[in-house]
Protein backbone atom coordinates (compact mmCIF):
# COMPACT_ATOMS: atom_id res chain seq x y z
CA UNK A 1 5.10 -6.57 37.68
CA UNK A 2 2.22 -8.22 39.55
CA UNK A 3 2.17 -12.00 40.16
CA UNK A 4 -1.22 -12.17 38.46
CA UNK A 5 0.21 -10.65 35.30
CA UNK A 6 3.02 -13.23 35.23
CA UNK A 7 0.55 -16.08 35.72
CA UNK A 8 -1.67 -14.70 32.98
CA UNK A 9 1.29 -14.50 30.61
CA UNK A 10 2.25 -18.13 31.30
CA UNK A 11 -1.34 -19.26 30.79
CA UNK A 12 -1.55 -17.37 27.52
CA UNK A 13 1.68 -18.97 26.32
CA UNK A 14 0.38 -22.45 27.19
CA UNK A 15 -2.89 -21.80 25.36
CA UNK A 16 -0.98 -20.60 22.30
CA UNK A 17 1.21 -23.74 22.31
CA UNK A 18 -1.86 -25.93 22.60
CA UNK A 19 -3.50 -24.13 19.66
CA UNK A 20 -0.36 -24.59 17.55
CA UNK A 21 -0.17 -28.33 18.25
CA UNK A 22 -3.89 -28.81 17.59
CA UNK A 23 -3.70 -27.01 14.26
CA UNK A 24 -0.60 -28.90 13.15
CA UNK A 25 -2.11 -32.36 13.69
CA UNK A 26 -5.84 -31.82 13.36
CA UNK A 27 -7.93 -29.08 11.70
CA UNK A 28 -6.27 -25.66 11.28
CA UNK A 29 -8.05 -22.58 12.57
CA UNK A 30 -7.72 -19.02 11.29
CA UNK A 31 -8.93 -16.37 13.73
CA UNK A 32 -9.78 -13.25 11.73
CA UNK A 33 -10.45 -10.01 13.58
CA UNK A 34 -12.78 -7.54 11.87
CA UNK A 35 -12.84 -4.01 13.22
CA UNK A 36 -13.19 -0.43 12.13
CA UNK A 37 -14.26 2.94 13.38
CA UNK A 38 -17.88 4.06 13.43
CA UNK A 39 -19.82 3.73 10.15
CA UNK A 40 -17.06 1.75 8.44
CA UNK A 41 -19.33 -1.21 7.63
CA UNK A 42 -18.07 -4.09 9.81
CA UNK A 43 -21.41 -5.90 9.99
CA UNK A 44 -21.93 -5.66 6.23
CA UNK A 45 -18.37 -6.86 5.56
CA UNK A 46 -18.72 -10.00 7.68
CA UNK A 47 -22.17 -10.81 6.31
CA UNK A 48 -21.10 -10.43 2.68
CA UNK A 49 -17.80 -12.27 3.23
CA UNK A 50 -19.55 -15.28 4.74
CA UNK A 51 -22.28 -15.28 2.07
CA UNK A 52 -19.68 -15.13 -0.69
CA UNK A 53 -17.61 -17.93 0.83
CA UNK A 54 -20.71 -20.11 1.09
CA UNK A 55 -21.63 -19.29 -2.54
CA UNK A 56 -18.39 -18.51 -4.34
CA UNK A 57 -19.59 -17.48 -7.81
CA UNK A 58 -18.41 -13.89 -7.29
CA UNK A 59 -15.01 -14.74 -5.76
CA UNK A 60 -12.56 -15.13 -8.70
CA UNK A 61 -9.87 -13.20 -6.84
CA UNK A 62 -9.73 -15.87 -4.11
CA UNK A 63 -7.55 -18.51 -5.74
CA UNK A 64 -8.86 -21.41 -3.67
CA UNK A 65 -12.37 -20.55 -4.90
CA UNK A 66 -11.36 -19.92 -8.51
CA UNK A 67 -9.47 -23.21 -8.93
CA UNK A 68 -12.08 -25.29 -7.10
CA UNK A 69 -9.90 -26.14 -4.10
CA UNK A 70 -12.80 -25.22 -1.80
CA UNK A 71 -15.31 -28.00 -2.30
CA UNK A 72 -17.85 -26.82 0.25
CA UNK A 73 -18.34 -24.37 3.08
CA UNK A 74 -20.70 -24.54 6.04
CA UNK A 75 -21.45 -22.73 9.29
CA UNK A 76 -20.74 -24.38 12.63
CA UNK A 77 -21.21 -23.38 16.28
CA UNK A 78 -18.43 -21.04 17.34
CA UNK A 79 -15.87 -22.46 19.78
CA UNK A 80 -16.29 -19.74 22.44
CA UNK A 81 -19.40 -20.49 24.48
CA UNK A 82 -19.27 -17.17 26.33
CA UNK A 83 -19.17 -14.95 23.21
CA UNK A 84 -22.41 -14.00 21.41
CA UNK A 85 -22.85 -15.45 17.93
CA UNK A 86 -22.71 -13.00 15.03
CA UNK A 87 -26.30 -12.80 13.76
CA UNK A 88 -25.42 -13.74 10.19
CA UNK A 89 -28.85 -14.93 9.08
CA UNK A 90 -30.60 -11.81 10.38
CA UNK A 91 -28.08 -9.48 8.75
CA UNK A 92 -28.21 -11.34 5.43
CA UNK A 93 -32.01 -11.12 5.44
CA UNK A 94 -31.76 -7.37 6.03
CA UNK A 95 -29.39 -6.90 3.09
CA UNK A 96 -30.99 -9.23 0.55
CA UNK A 97 -34.66 -9.39 1.57
CA UNK A 98 -37.61 -7.90 -0.33
CA UNK A 99 -37.10 -4.53 1.43
CA UNK A 100 -33.30 -4.36 1.74
CA UNK A 101 -31.84 -2.16 4.48
CA UNK A 102 -28.59 -1.79 6.38
CA UNK A 103 -28.39 -3.96 9.52
CA UNK A 104 -27.67 -2.67 13.00
CA UNK A 105 -24.03 -1.77 13.60
CA UNK A 106 -21.54 -3.52 15.87
CA UNK A 107 -22.09 -2.82 19.57
CA UNK A 108 -20.09 -5.59 21.24
CA UNK A 109 -17.88 -8.58 20.52
CA UNK A 110 -19.44 -11.39 18.49
CA UNK A 111 -18.10 -14.42 16.68
CA UNK A 112 -18.93 -16.82 13.86
CA UNK A 113 -17.25 -20.03 12.65
CA UNK A 114 -17.24 -20.86 8.94
CA UNK A 115 -15.68 -24.20 8.02
CA UNK A 116 -14.17 -24.73 4.56
CA UNK A 117 -13.52 -28.16 3.04
CA UNK A 118 -10.32 -27.71 1.05
CA UNK A 119 -8.41 -30.04 -1.29
CA UNK A 120 -4.64 -29.37 -1.05
CA UNK A 121 -2.93 -28.51 -4.32
CA UNK A 122 0.59 -28.91 -5.71
CA UNK A 123 2.78 -31.72 -4.38
CA UNK A 124 0.39 -32.41 -1.51
CA UNK A 125 -2.58 -33.05 -3.79
CA UNK A 126 -1.79 -36.72 -4.32
CA UNK A 127 -0.59 -37.37 -0.79
CA UNK A 128 -3.56 -36.26 1.26
CA UNK A 129 -7.29 -35.95 0.96
CA UNK A 130 -9.48 -32.93 1.64
CA UNK A 131 -9.03 -31.16 4.95
CA UNK A 132 -11.23 -28.80 6.95
CA UNK A 133 -10.04 -25.28 7.67
CA UNK A 134 -12.04 -23.34 10.27
CA UNK A 135 -12.38 -19.57 9.86
CA UNK A 136 -13.35 -17.96 13.17
CA UNK A 137 -14.47 -14.39 12.51
CA UNK A 138 -14.35 -12.08 15.53
CA UNK A 139 -16.27 -8.82 15.23
CA UNK A 140 -15.51 -5.97 17.62
CA UNK A 141 -15.88 -2.15 17.62
CA UNK A 142 -12.82 -0.24 16.48
CA UNK A 143 -13.34 2.33 19.22
CA UNK A 144 -12.27 -0.35 21.68
CA UNK A 145 -8.88 -0.56 19.96
CA UNK A 146 -8.35 3.14 20.64
CA UNK A 147 -8.51 2.32 24.35
CA UNK A 148 -5.12 0.65 24.04
CA UNK A 149 -3.47 4.04 24.38
CA UNK A 150 -4.96 4.39 27.86
CA UNK A 151 -2.78 1.54 29.12
CA UNK A 152 0.32 3.69 28.66
CA UNK A 153 -1.16 6.87 30.14
CA UNK A 154 -2.00 7.84 33.68
CA UNK A 155 -5.05 9.95 34.33
CA UNK A 156 -3.15 13.26 34.31
CA UNK A 157 -1.41 12.54 30.99
CA UNK A 158 -4.62 11.31 29.39
CA UNK A 159 -6.51 14.38 30.59
CA UNK A 160 -3.82 16.72 29.25
CA UNK A 161 -3.77 15.09 25.80
CA UNK A 162 -7.56 14.85 25.56
CA UNK A 163 -8.25 18.44 26.59
CA UNK A 164 -5.62 19.72 24.14
CA UNK A 165 -7.44 17.89 21.36
CA UNK A 166 -10.81 19.32 22.44
CA UNK A 167 -9.63 22.91 22.72
CA UNK A 168 -10.53 23.98 19.17
CA UNK A 169 -13.65 21.88 18.70
CA UNK A 170 -17.01 23.63 19.09
CA UNK A 171 -18.60 20.27 19.94
CA UNK A 172 -16.60 20.30 23.21
CA UNK A 173 -17.49 23.83 24.37
CA UNK A 174 -20.17 22.78 26.85
CA UNK A 175 -17.99 20.11 28.43
CA UNK A 176 -14.93 22.35 28.68
CA UNK A 177 -16.99 25.02 30.44
CA UNK A 178 -18.29 22.48 32.96
CA UNK A 179 -14.85 20.97 33.61
CA UNK A 180 -13.09 24.30 34.13
CA UNK A 181 -13.69 24.55 37.87
CA UNK A 182 -13.91 20.82 38.65
CA UNK A 183 -10.29 20.27 39.83
CA UNK A 184 -10.88 22.63 42.78
CA UNK A 185 -13.64 20.42 44.22
CA UNK A 186 -12.25 19.02 47.48
CA UNK A 187 -15.76 18.03 48.45
CA UNK A 188 -17.80 16.40 45.71
CA UNK A 189 -20.92 14.30 45.27
CA UNK A 190 -21.82 11.52 42.90
CA UNK A 191 -24.05 13.86 40.83
CA UNK A 192 -20.92 15.99 40.21
CA UNK A 193 -19.09 13.00 38.69
CA UNK A 194 -22.14 11.89 36.74
CA UNK A 195 -22.68 15.37 35.28
CA UNK A 196 -19.09 15.52 34.03
CA UNK A 197 -19.20 12.00 32.58
CA UNK A 198 -22.54 12.71 30.91
CA UNK A 199 -21.27 15.96 29.37
CA UNK A 200 -18.11 14.23 28.13
CA UNK A 201 -20.20 11.45 26.59
CA UNK A 202 -22.38 14.06 24.89
CA UNK A 203 -19.21 15.53 23.40
CA UNK A 204 -18.09 12.10 22.11
CA UNK A 205 -21.46 11.57 20.46
CA UNK A 206 -21.33 15.02 18.84
CA UNK A 207 -17.76 14.39 17.68
CA UNK A 208 -18.81 11.13 16.04
CA UNK A 209 -21.59 12.92 14.16
CA UNK A 210 -19.09 15.58 13.05
CA UNK A 211 -16.89 12.92 11.48
CA UNK A 212 -14.13 12.66 14.10
CA UNK A 213 -12.53 9.31 14.85
CA UNK A 214 -10.76 9.68 18.22
CA UNK A 215 -13.64 8.52 20.38
CA UNK A 216 -11.88 7.01 23.38
CA UNK A 217 -12.82 5.74 25.89
CA UNK A 218 -14.67 3.45 23.51
CA UNK A 219 -17.15 2.05 26.03
CA UNK A 220 -18.61 5.50 26.70
CA UNK A 221 -20.44 5.21 23.38
CA UNK A 222 -21.13 1.47 23.70
CA UNK A 223 -21.56 0.92 27.45
CA UNK A 224 -23.69 -2.22 27.41
CA UNK A 225 -24.24 -3.60 30.91
CA UNK A 226 -21.60 -1.20 32.29
CA UNK A 227 -23.89 1.79 31.74
CA UNK A 228 -23.95 3.93 34.88
CA UNK A 229 -21.13 2.05 36.62
CA UNK A 230 -18.30 4.00 38.32
CA UNK A 231 -15.86 2.52 35.78
CA UNK A 232 -17.70 4.54 33.09
CA UNK A 233 -18.30 7.63 35.23
CA UNK A 234 -15.15 9.70 34.80
CA UNK A 235 -13.92 12.46 32.50
CA UNK A 236 -10.69 14.37 31.73
CA UNK A 237 -9.95 17.31 34.02
CA UNK A 238 -7.66 20.35 33.78
CA UNK A 239 -4.54 20.33 36.02
CA UNK A 240 -5.21 20.92 39.68
CA UNK A 241 -4.59 19.59 43.20
CA UNK A 242 -5.29 15.90 43.65
CA UNK A 243 -5.70 15.57 47.40
CA UNK A 244 -7.30 12.59 49.10
CA UNK A 245 -11.07 12.91 48.86
CA UNK A 246 -10.93 15.38 45.96
CA UNK A 247 -12.78 14.97 42.68
CA UNK A 248 -9.55 14.64 40.62
CA UNK A 249 -8.39 11.80 42.90
CA UNK A 250 -11.72 10.01 42.49
CA UNK A 251 -11.69 10.50 38.71
CA UNK A 252 -8.18 9.04 38.55
CA UNK A 253 -9.31 6.03 40.59
CA UNK A 254 -12.22 5.37 38.23
CA UNK A 255 -10.00 5.85 35.19
CA UNK A 256 -7.65 3.17 36.55
CA UNK A 257 -10.62 0.87 37.20
CA UNK A 258 -11.67 1.31 33.56
CA UNK A 259 -8.21 0.35 32.33
CA UNK A 260 -7.97 -2.60 34.71
CA UNK A 261 -11.49 -4.04 34.46
CA UNK A 262 -12.58 -3.08 30.93
CA UNK A 263 -9.60 -2.47 28.65
CA UNK A 264 -7.25 -5.24 29.77
CA UNK A 265 -9.85 -8.05 29.71
CA UNK A 266 -10.77 -7.21 26.10
CA UNK A 267 -7.17 -7.47 24.90
CA UNK A 268 -6.53 -10.56 27.02
CA UNK A 269 -9.64 -12.51 26.08
CA UNK A 270 -10.16 -11.53 22.43
CA UNK A 271 -7.53 -9.43 20.70
CA UNK A 272 -4.47 -11.46 21.73
CA UNK A 273 -5.90 -14.62 20.13
CA UNK A 274 -6.19 -13.26 16.59
CA UNK A 275 -4.10 -14.46 13.63
CA UNK A 276 -5.24 -12.04 10.93
CA UNK A 277 -6.86 -8.61 11.09
CA UNK A 278 -8.79 -6.29 8.78
CA UNK A 279 -9.35 -2.66 9.75
CA UNK A 280 -12.24 -1.04 7.85
CA UNK A 281 -12.10 2.72 7.37
CA UNK A 282 -14.70 5.20 6.10
CA UNK A 283 -12.16 7.37 4.28
CA UNK A 284 -14.79 9.01 2.07
CA UNK A 285 -16.81 10.08 5.09
CA UNK A 286 -13.76 11.73 6.65
CA UNK A 287 -12.93 13.57 3.41
CA UNK A 288 -16.52 14.78 3.21
CA UNK A 289 -16.28 16.10 6.79
CA UNK A 290 -13.19 18.16 5.97
CA UNK A 291 -9.43 18.44 6.62
CA UNK A 292 -9.68 18.28 10.41
CA UNK A 293 -11.62 15.02 10.24
CA UNK A 294 -9.00 13.56 7.87
CA UNK A 295 -6.14 14.51 10.22
CA UNK A 296 -8.08 13.11 13.16
CA UNK A 297 -8.58 9.87 11.24
CA UNK A 298 -4.85 9.66 10.46
CA UNK A 299 -3.99 10.02 14.14
CA UNK A 300 -6.65 7.50 15.17
CA UNK A 301 -5.25 4.95 12.71
CA UNK A 302 -1.80 5.51 14.17
CA UNK A 303 -3.24 4.75 17.61
CA UNK A 304 -4.94 1.63 16.25
CA UNK A 305 -1.70 0.47 14.67
CA UNK A 306 -0.05 0.63 18.06
CA UNK A 307 -2.26 -2.28 19.10
CA UNK A 308 -0.32 -4.49 16.68
CA UNK A 309 3.04 -3.66 18.30
CA UNK A 310 3.21 -5.89 21.38
CA UNK A 311 6.73 -4.70 22.22
CA UNK A 312 5.35 -1.22 22.92
CA UNK A 313 3.51 -2.29 26.05
CA UNK A 314 4.59 -4.82 28.69
CA UNK A 315 1.01 -5.99 29.17
CA UNK A 316 0.65 -6.76 25.46
CA UNK A 317 4.06 -8.43 25.34
CA UNK A 318 2.80 -10.97 27.88
CA UNK A 319 -0.40 -11.55 25.90
CA UNK A 320 1.37 -12.20 22.61
CA UNK A 321 3.65 -14.96 23.88
CA UNK A 322 3.85 -17.52 21.07
CA UNK A 323 1.32 -15.78 18.82
CA UNK A 324 1.20 -12.73 16.61
CA UNK A 325 -1.07 -11.18 14.04
CA UNK A 326 0.85 -11.82 10.84
CA UNK A 327 -1.37 -10.10 8.25
CA UNK A 328 -3.16 -6.75 8.59
CA UNK A 329 -5.33 -5.24 5.86
CA UNK A 330 -6.50 -1.62 5.90
CA UNK A 331 -9.56 -1.31 3.68
CA UNK A 332 -11.23 1.91 2.60
CA UNK A 333 -14.90 0.97 2.43
CA UNK A 334 -17.79 2.28 0.32
CA UNK A 335 -15.78 2.19 -2.92
CA UNK A 336 -19.15 1.82 -4.67
CA UNK A 337 -19.74 5.53 -3.91
CA UNK A 338 -17.08 6.25 -6.55
CA UNK A 339 -16.81 5.42 -10.23
CA UNK A 340 -14.18 2.72 -10.71
CA UNK A 341 -11.93 5.31 -12.39
CA UNK A 342 -11.22 6.73 -8.91
CA UNK A 343 -10.72 3.51 -6.98
CA UNK A 344 -6.93 3.64 -7.33
CA UNK A 345 -6.90 7.13 -5.83
CA UNK A 346 -9.00 5.96 -2.88
CA UNK A 347 -6.65 3.02 -2.26
CA UNK A 348 -3.64 5.37 -2.43
CA UNK A 349 -5.20 7.70 0.14
CA UNK A 350 -5.91 4.74 2.41
CA UNK A 351 -2.28 3.66 2.16
CA UNK A 352 -1.01 7.19 2.80
CA UNK A 353 -3.18 7.57 5.93
CA UNK A 354 -1.38 4.67 7.60
CA UNK A 355 2.03 5.03 5.95
CA UNK A 356 3.70 7.05 8.71
CA UNK A 357 2.52 4.69 11.40
CA UNK A 358 3.47 1.65 9.30
CA UNK A 359 6.95 3.06 8.75
CA UNK A 360 7.46 3.61 12.49
CA UNK A 361 5.87 0.39 13.66
CA UNK A 362 7.68 -2.85 14.33
CA UNK A 363 5.20 -5.45 13.15
CA UNK A 364 7.59 -8.33 13.85
CA UNK A 365 7.29 -9.62 10.30
CA UNK A 366 3.59 -8.94 9.77
CA UNK A 367 2.52 -8.29 6.19
CA UNK A 368 0.31 -5.24 5.73
CA UNK A 369 -1.78 -4.01 2.81
CA UNK A 370 -4.23 -1.29 1.80
CA UNK A 371 -7.06 -1.40 -0.74
CA UNK A 372 -10.45 0.07 -1.62
CA UNK A 373 -13.46 -2.24 -1.30
CA UNK A 374 -17.23 -2.35 -1.08
CA UNK A 375 -18.45 -5.41 0.80
CA UNK A 376 -21.91 -4.88 -0.70
CA UNK A 377 -22.31 -2.92 -3.91
CA UNK A 378 -25.22 -0.50 -3.47
CA UNK A 379 -24.79 1.51 -6.70
CA UNK A 380 -24.37 1.17 -10.44
CA UNK A 381 -22.04 3.23 -12.62
CA UNK A 382 -23.14 5.65 -15.30
CA UNK A 383 -21.94 8.68 -17.29
CA UNK A 384 -23.73 12.01 -17.66
CA UNK A 385 -23.16 14.95 -19.98
CA UNK A 386 -22.50 18.07 -17.88
CA UNK A 387 -21.19 21.45 -19.08
CA UNK A 388 -20.11 19.96 -22.36
CA UNK A 389 -18.16 17.04 -20.88
CA UNK A 390 -18.83 13.48 -19.75
CA UNK A 391 -19.08 13.10 -15.98
CA UNK A 392 -18.62 9.72 -14.25
CA UNK A 393 -21.37 9.11 -11.68
CA UNK A 394 -22.85 6.35 -9.56
CA UNK A 395 -26.59 5.78 -9.18
CA UNK A 396 -28.41 4.38 -6.20
CA UNK A 397 -31.44 4.61 -3.93
CA UNK A 398 -31.23 7.22 -1.16
CA UNK A 399 -31.90 5.67 2.23
CA UNK A 400 -33.83 8.66 3.61
CA UNK A 401 -36.25 9.23 0.73
CA UNK A 402 -36.22 5.99 -1.25
CA UNK A 403 -35.66 8.01 -4.43
CA UNK A 404 -33.01 7.19 -7.01
CA UNK A 405 -30.17 9.69 -7.37
CA UNK A 406 -26.94 10.13 -9.31
CA UNK A 407 -23.77 11.17 -7.48
CA UNK A 408 -20.50 12.65 -8.64
CA UNK A 409 -18.77 13.17 -5.28
CA UNK A 410 -15.86 15.15 -6.68
CA UNK A 411 -12.44 14.23 -7.97
CA UNK A 412 -9.99 12.60 -5.59
CA UNK A 413 -6.41 13.76 -6.19
CA UNK A 414 -3.85 11.44 -7.77
CA UNK A 415 -1.37 12.54 -5.09
CA UNK A 416 -2.70 11.81 -1.55
CA UNK A 417 -0.48 14.61 -0.19
CA UNK A 418 -2.93 17.13 -1.65
CA UNK A 419 -5.38 15.96 1.01
CA UNK A 420 -3.07 15.01 3.84
CA UNK A 421 -0.91 18.17 3.76
CA UNK A 422 -3.72 20.70 4.38
CA UNK A 423 -5.21 18.27 6.92
CA UNK A 424 -1.96 18.25 8.91
CA UNK A 425 -1.71 22.02 8.65
CA UNK A 426 -5.13 22.43 10.28
CA UNK A 427 -6.98 23.85 7.26
CA UNK A 428 -10.64 24.55 7.92
CA UNK A 429 -11.83 23.51 4.45
CA UNK A 430 -10.52 22.08 1.19
CA UNK A 431 -9.10 24.82 -1.00
CA UNK A 432 -9.77 23.16 -4.36
CA UNK A 433 -13.38 22.06 -4.06
CA UNK A 434 -15.60 19.99 -1.81
CA UNK A 435 -16.17 16.26 -1.71
CA UNK A 436 -19.72 15.00 -1.23
CA UNK A 437 -21.22 11.66 -0.27
CA UNK A 438 -24.77 10.31 -0.19
CA UNK A 439 -26.35 7.75 2.07
CA UNK A 440 -27.39 4.98 -0.31
CA UNK A 441 -29.59 2.06 0.70
CA UNK A 442 -28.74 -1.48 -0.44
CA UNK A 443 -30.21 -2.39 -3.81
CA UNK A 444 -32.67 -5.21 -4.32
CA UNK A 445 -30.68 -8.40 -4.77
CA UNK A 446 -31.19 -10.70 -7.75
CA UNK A 447 -28.82 -13.52 -6.95
CA UNK A 448 -28.31 -16.52 -9.20
CA UNK A 449 -27.69 -19.97 -7.68
CA UNK A 450 -24.13 -20.16 -6.40
CA UNK A 451 -23.70 -16.38 -6.15
CA UNK A 452 -23.20 -14.25 -3.07
CA UNK A 453 -24.09 -10.56 -2.84
CA UNK A 454 -22.39 -8.19 -5.33
CA UNK A 455 -19.23 -6.51 -4.05
CA UNK A 456 -16.04 -4.72 -5.07
CA UNK A 457 -12.73 -6.51 -4.34
CA UNK A 458 -14.07 -8.56 -1.45
CA UNK A 459 -12.47 -11.59 -3.12
CA UNK A 460 -9.07 -9.85 -3.21
CA UNK A 461 -9.40 -8.89 0.44
CA UNK A 462 -10.15 -12.54 1.29
CA UNK A 463 -7.15 -13.68 -0.74
CA UNK A 464 -4.87 -11.33 1.17
CA UNK A 465 -6.27 -12.32 4.56
CA UNK A 466 -6.70 -16.09 4.29
CA UNK A 467 -5.68 -17.23 0.80
CA UNK A 468 -2.28 -18.59 1.85
CA UNK A 469 -3.93 -20.84 4.46
CA UNK A 470 -6.30 -22.44 1.93
């Protein structure tokens, strides 16, 4: 163990103790992490959550809102001066303006502080006046969580596991062909490394479009100011000699630099300070993409869950001194793409996707949950007569054409095993029908005073995540 790691662990423990004392005697703070894999709707979730906490007319499932304990809510400057502010006003304007559209997706860490003035209830009601509870919302890409697995793997092990996963994917054919002879390069140039990294990044982009979820290293798709740096210029290689000066040795060095200078700082500076966490998942998109995408999603969620097990990794154990995430919600998004008659099935599939990992994980007392939500409702429900029977559909405006359309995506099974079993067995397609989705645009908002944007179960998600602290 390095001296720097010990010092960092002691510093983290001192910061956690200071936070605990401050919250006990002054104004409590809830740090809520919001993450999810690509297209899960993180930006929309945060925007709608904040809007509905500021105007609580659509939040009956949040008890503190329903019984009037929250007297007011207001935005304040976030406490972290070095973290970009979540662009709430811009995103809300995009969703509720005269020409509503989906805002830009998450590309880096951002933060927002919402302060709630709360009147204690029960026995404390007559003993104390209103208090302020700060909700610090931290937004970060879910692909970055997948990088946690790199901390436990050396370059050779990571390469072996990654190439095994790519072997049967047509999206990876070009990269695999390029990488085949790379381990034999005892003399290499920077263009060699760049060509491999570029081809691997092209594969990751194609895999994302195909509906796959295992997109690590996460910064390859969201490089930011690291674009073109050696820390992002590596790729997995087949087994081969790793002599000094060889390409495999250089790739391993850059891989270690990525873990040291990119992955560890994220967990140290952001993830380890969270109290509550919601993981948003586009389950319907994976089902639409087919069994292999569903199995890939299940494995990716298992990898994400490992981030909430600090005992698994010595580095994380040091970070979590005195603090732990004590509530984790897994939310299947875009429930508005289904008629409400199928919402229970969607929630059951969400729970089944993480059940194995939840059963194996030691969450150190953390409470976990799974539900189906839509942070912003973009459709309305209807029923159509088709082939002599009534068919439940949802109606909305297609983002590409601007035309209204009705969608019956298909029937989700009552038993999630009917999806997960063929996915685990490597089936190429669903045997009992296909499941379709459409890309709906947000509907024009007609909000009454005191109302936030329309949603599905956003209030219940808020109750699970923060209700006990209000």
